[in-house]
Amino acid sequence: MKNIQIAYMIAAFGIAMFVYQVHQISGLNEEAAVWRSQADALSNPGAGPFVRSFFDGLTFGAFADEGIFTEGKKMERAGNQLEATRASLLSRYESAVTFRNWGLMLGLGGGFVAYILRKKTASAA
């Protein structure tokens, strides 16, 4: 394989990696929007959990699975799950941005090297 072909292959790989990571980032942005709506729903729960908490407190937790603090424990578990999801989204987003940047650098670098090699072979002939 000639050097110019290797440069073109590296450039093509870099551009393909760049485009794929841009697609991944747009998917992660959609997942982040869903997470944001779930976090808003948790922070503004409405009247349902408060009514159930009042009923559990009134009956001393006799009808609740986890006693008098069932609703509080449910909300705490939901908050912990949202925090884990947030950490996962941030980690995946950071790695996708890193790979996107590397793909862009490989694509542009390979294209530049191929351009230089093409100029060299054209001037040598």
C-alpha atoms as a PDB file:
ATOM      1  CA  MET A   1       0.000   0.000   0.000  1.00  0.00           C
ATOM      2  CA  LYS A   2       1.261   3.446  -0.857  1.00  0.00           C
ATOM      3  CA  ASN A   3       1.655   6.145   1.745  1.00  0.00           C
ATOM      4  CA  ILE A   4      -1.059   8.285   0.178  1.00  0.00           C
ATOM      5  CA  GLN A   5      -3.526   5.392   0.375  1.00  0.00           C
ATOM      6  CA  ILE A   6      -2.704   4.912   4.056  1.00  0.00           C
ATOM      7  CA  ALA A   7      -3.268   8.635   4.636  1.00  0.00           C
ATOM      8  CA  TYR A   8      -6.645   8.458   2.876  1.00  0.00           C
ATOM      9  CA  MET A   9      -7.650   5.423   4.953  1.00  0.00           C
ATOM     10  CA  ILE A  10      -6.713   7.195   8.193  1.00  0.00           C
ATOM     11  CA  ALA A  11      -8.653  10.276   7.082  1.00  0.00           C
ATOM     12  CA  ALA A  12     -11.704   8.155   6.195  1.00  0.00           C
ATOM     13  CA  PHE A  13     -11.544   6.340   9.536  1.00  0.00           C
ATOM     14  CA  GLY A  14     -11.256   9.640  11.396  1.00  0.00           C
ATOM     15  CA  ILE A  15     -14.201  11.203   9.565  1.00  0.00           C
ATOM     16  CA  ALA A  16     -16.325   8.087  10.110  1.00  0.00           C
ATOM     17  CA  MET A  17     -15.478   8.154  13.822  1.00  0.00           C
ATOM     18  CA  PHE A  18     -16.317  11.877  13.954  1.00  0.00           C
ATOM     19  CA  VAL A  19     -19.719  11.408  12.296  1.00  0.00           C
ATOM     20  CA  TYR A  20     -20.586   8.423  14.501  1.00  0.00           C
ATOM     21  CA  GLN A  21     -19.719  10.316  17.676  1.00  0.00           C
ATOM     22  CA  VAL A  22     -21.793  13.319  16.579  1.00  0.00           C
ATOM     23  CA  HIS A  23     -24.704  10.884  16.221  1.00  0.00           C
ATOM     24  CA  GLN A  24     -23.977   9.456  19.687  1.00  0.00           C
ATOM     25  CA  ILE A  25     -23.880  12.941  21.218  1.00  0.00           C
ATOM     26  CA  SER A  26     -27.278  13.824  19.755  1.00  0.00           C
ATOM     27  CA  GLY A  27     -28.700  10.617  21.275  1.00  0.00           C
ATOM     28  CA  LEU A  28     -27.160  11.490  24.634  1.00  0.00           C
ATOM     29  CA  ASN A  29     -28.719  14.949  24.447  1.00  0.00           C
ATOM     30  CA  GLU A  30     -32.124  13.310  24.003  1.00  0.00           C
ATOM     31  CA  GLU A  31     -31.474  11.036  27.000  1.00  0.00           C
ATOM     32  CA  ALA A  32     -30.435  14.085  29.032  1.00  0.00           C
ATOM     33  CA  ALA A  33     -33.739  15.791  28.176  1.00  0.00           C
ATOM     34  CA  VAL A  34     -35.622  12.739  29.449  1.00  0.00           C
ATOM     35  CA  TRP A  35     -33.498  12.711  32.609  1.00  0.00           C
ATOM     36  CA  ARG A  36     -34.176  16.416  33.130  1.00  0.00           C
ATOM     37  CA  SER A  37     -37.933  15.857  32.917  1.00  0.00           C
ATOM     38  CA  GLN A  38     -37.698  12.968  35.408  1.00  0.00           C
ATOM     39  CA  ALA A  39     -35.666  15.133  37.796  1.00  0.00           C
ATOM     40  CA  ASP A  40     -38.274  17.894  37.517  1.00  0.00           C
ATOM     41  CA  ALA A  41     -41.043  15.392  38.201  1.00  0.00           C
ATOM     42  CA  LEU A  42     -39.195  14.163  41.303  1.00  0.00           C
ATOM     43  CA  SER A  43     -38.616  17.652  42.646  1.00  0.00           C
ATOM     44  CA  ASN A  44     -42.287  18.622  42.027  1.00  0.00           C
ATOM     45  CA  PRO A  45     -44.162  15.416  42.906  1.00  0.00           C
ATOM     46  CA  GLY A  46     -47.693  16.745  43.168  1.00  0.00           C
ATOM     47  CA  ALA A  47     -50.175  15.869  45.896  1.00  0.00           C
ATOM     48  CA  GLY A  48     -50.201  12.050  45.543  1.00  0.00           C
ATOM     49  CA  PRO A  49     -47.146  11.193  47.653  1.00  0.00           C
ATOM     50  CA  PHE A  50     -48.179  13.651  50.354  1.00  0.00           C
ATOM     51  CA  VAL A  51     -51.679  12.180  50.579  1.00  0.00           C
ATOM     52  CA  ARG A  52     -50.243   8.648  50.791  1.00  0.00           C
ATOM     53  CA  SER A  53     -47.742   9.801  53.441  1.00  0.00           C
ATOM     54  CA  PHE A  54     -50.538  11.370  55.445  1.00  0.00           C
ATOM     55  CA  PHE A  55     -52.565   8.149  55.212  1.00  0.00           C
ATOM     56  CA  ASP A  56     -49.550   6.046  56.221  1.00  0.00           C
ATOM     57  CA  GLY A  57     -48.918   8.329  59.172  1.00  0.00           C
ATOM     58  CA  LEU A  58     -52.561   8.289  60.184  1.00  0.00           C
ATOM     59  CA  THR A  59     -52.646   4.467  60.159  1.00  0.00           C
ATOM     60  CA  PHE A  60     -49.124   4.152  61.667  1.00  0.00           C
ATOM     61  CA  GLY A  61     -47.940   2.394  58.494  1.00  0.00           C
ATOM     62  CA  ALA A  62     -50.255  -0.577  58.926  1.00  0.00           C
ATOM     63  CA  PHE A  63     -51.103  -0.702  55.208  1.00  0.00           C
ATOM     64  CA  ALA A  64     -47.675   0.321  53.894  1.00  0.00           C
ATOM     65  CA  ASP A  65     -44.956  -2.076  52.800  1.00  0.00           C
ATOM     66  CA  GLU A  66     -42.088  -0.289  54.521  1.00  0.00           C
ATOM     67  CA  GLY A  67     -43.876   1.285  57.440  1.00  0.00           C
ATOM     68  CA  ILE A  68     -44.684   4.887  58.005  1.00  0.00           C
ATOM     69  CA  PHE A  69     -41.881   6.258  55.789  1.00  0.00           C
ATOM     70  CA  THR A  70     -42.692   4.318  52.607  1.00  0.00           C
ATOM     71  CA  GLU A  71     -43.156   7.383  50.408  1.00  0.00           C
ATOM     72  CA  GLY A  72     -39.992   9.025  51.690  1.00  0.00           C
ATOM     73  CA  LYS A  73     -37.973   5.902  50.989  1.00  0.00           C
ATOM     74  CA  LYS A  74     -39.475   5.637  47.488  1.00  0.00           C
ATOM     75  CA  MET A  75     -38.512   9.225  46.728  1.00  0.00           C
ATOM     76  CA  GLU A  76     -35.025   8.678  48.125  1.00  0.00           C
ATOM     77  CA  ARG A  77     -34.516   5.592  45.929  1.00  0.00           C
ATOM     78  CA  ALA A  78     -35.778   7.513  42.897  1.00  0.00           C
ATOM     79  CA  GLY A  79     -33.360  10.348  43.680  1.00  0.00           C
ATOM     80  CA  ASN A  80     -30.452   7.913  43.985  1.00  0.00           C
ATOM     81  CA  GLN A  81     -31.398   6.313  40.662  1.00  0.00           C
ATOM     82  CA  LEU A  82     -31.547   9.727  38.977  1.00  0.00           C
ATOM     83  CA  GLU A  83     -28.133  10.606  40.384  1.00  0.00           C
ATOM     84  CA  ALA A  84     -26.671   7.357  39.021  1.00  0.00           C
ATOM     85  CA  THR A  85     -28.259   8.065  35.637  1.00  0.00           C
ATOM     86  CA  ARG A  86     -26.815  11.584  35.644  1.00  0.00           C
ATOM     87  CA  ALA A  87     -23.330  10.275  36.387  1.00  0.00           C
ATOM     88  CA  SER A  88     -23.637   7.708  33.593  1.00  0.00           C
ATOM     89  CA  LEU A  89     -24.825  10.325  31.103  1.00  0.00           C
ATOM     90  CA  LEU A  90     -21.971  12.674  31.978  1.00  0.00           C
ATOM     91  CA  SER A  91     -19.376   9.934  31.651  1.00  0.00           C
ATOM     92  CA  ARG A  92     -20.722   8.759  28.301  1.00  0.00           C
ATOM     93  CA  TYR A  93     -20.984  12.346  27.030  1.00  0.00           C
ATOM     94  CA  GLU A  94     -17.391  13.139  27.986  1.00  0.00           C
ATOM     95  CA  SER A  95     -16.052  10.025  26.261  1.00  0.00           C
ATOM     96  CA  ALA A  96     -18.149  10.708  23.137  1.00  0.00           C
ATOM     97  CA  VAL A  97     -16.795  14.267  22.954  1.00  0.00           C
ATOM     98  CA  THR A  98     -13.235  12.993  23.355  1.00  0.00           C
ATOM     99  CA  PHE A  99     -13.639  10.419  20.574  1.00  0.00           C
ATOM    100  CA  ARG A 100     -15.365  13.012  18.375  1.00  0.00           C
ATOM    101  CA  ASN A 101     -12.392  15.350  18.775  1.00  0.00           C
ATOM    102  CA  TRP A 102      -9.909  12.551  18.040  1.00  0.00           C
ATOM    103  CA  GLY A 103     -11.895  11.595  14.955  1.00  0.00           C
ATOM    104  CA  LEU A 104     -11.820  15.173  13.707  1.00  0.00           C
ATOM    105  CA  MET A 105      -8.072  15.412  14.307  1.00  0.00           C
ATOM    106  CA  LEU A 106      -7.444  12.099  12.516  1.00  0.00           C
ATOM    107  CA  GLY A 107      -9.650  13.103   9.600  1.00  0.00           C
ATOM    108  CA  LEU A 108      -8.092  16.506   9.137  1.00  0.00           C
ATOM    109  CA  GLY A 109      -4.562  15.247   9.772  1.00  0.00           C
ATOM    110  CA  GLY A 110      -4.917  12.347   7.353  1.00  0.00           C
ATOM    111  CA  GLY A 111      -6.443  14.627   4.727  1.00  0.00           C
ATOM    112  CA  PHE A 112      -3.640  17.151   5.148  1.00  0.00           C
ATOM    113  CA  VAL A 113      -0.953  14.460   4.859  1.00  0.00           C
ATOM    114  CA  ALA A 114      -2.669  13.017   1.768  1.00  0.00           C
ATOM    115  CA  TYR A 115      -2.799  16.515   0.234  1.00  0.00           C
ATOM    116  CA  ILE A 116       0.930  17.037   0.898  1.00  0.00           C
ATOM    117  CA  LEU A 117       1.791  13.601  -0.506  1.00  0.00           C
ATOM    118  CA  ARG A 118      -0.311  14.282  -3.601  1.00  0.00           C
ATOM    119  CA  LYS A 119       1.534  17.572  -4.161  1.00  0.00           C
ATOM    120  CA  LYS A 120       4.894  15.790  -3.735  1.00  0.00           C
ATOM    121  CA  THR A 121       4.031  13.036  -6.220  1.00  0.00           C
ATOM    122  CA  ALA A 122       2.652  15.580  -8.722  1.00  0.00           C
ATOM    123  CA  SER A 123       5.800  17.747  -8.523  1.00  0.00           C
ATOM    124  CA  ALA A 124       8.104  14.691  -8.696  1.00  0.00           C
ATOM    125  CA  ALA A 125       6.503  13.419 -11.910  1.00  0.00           C
END
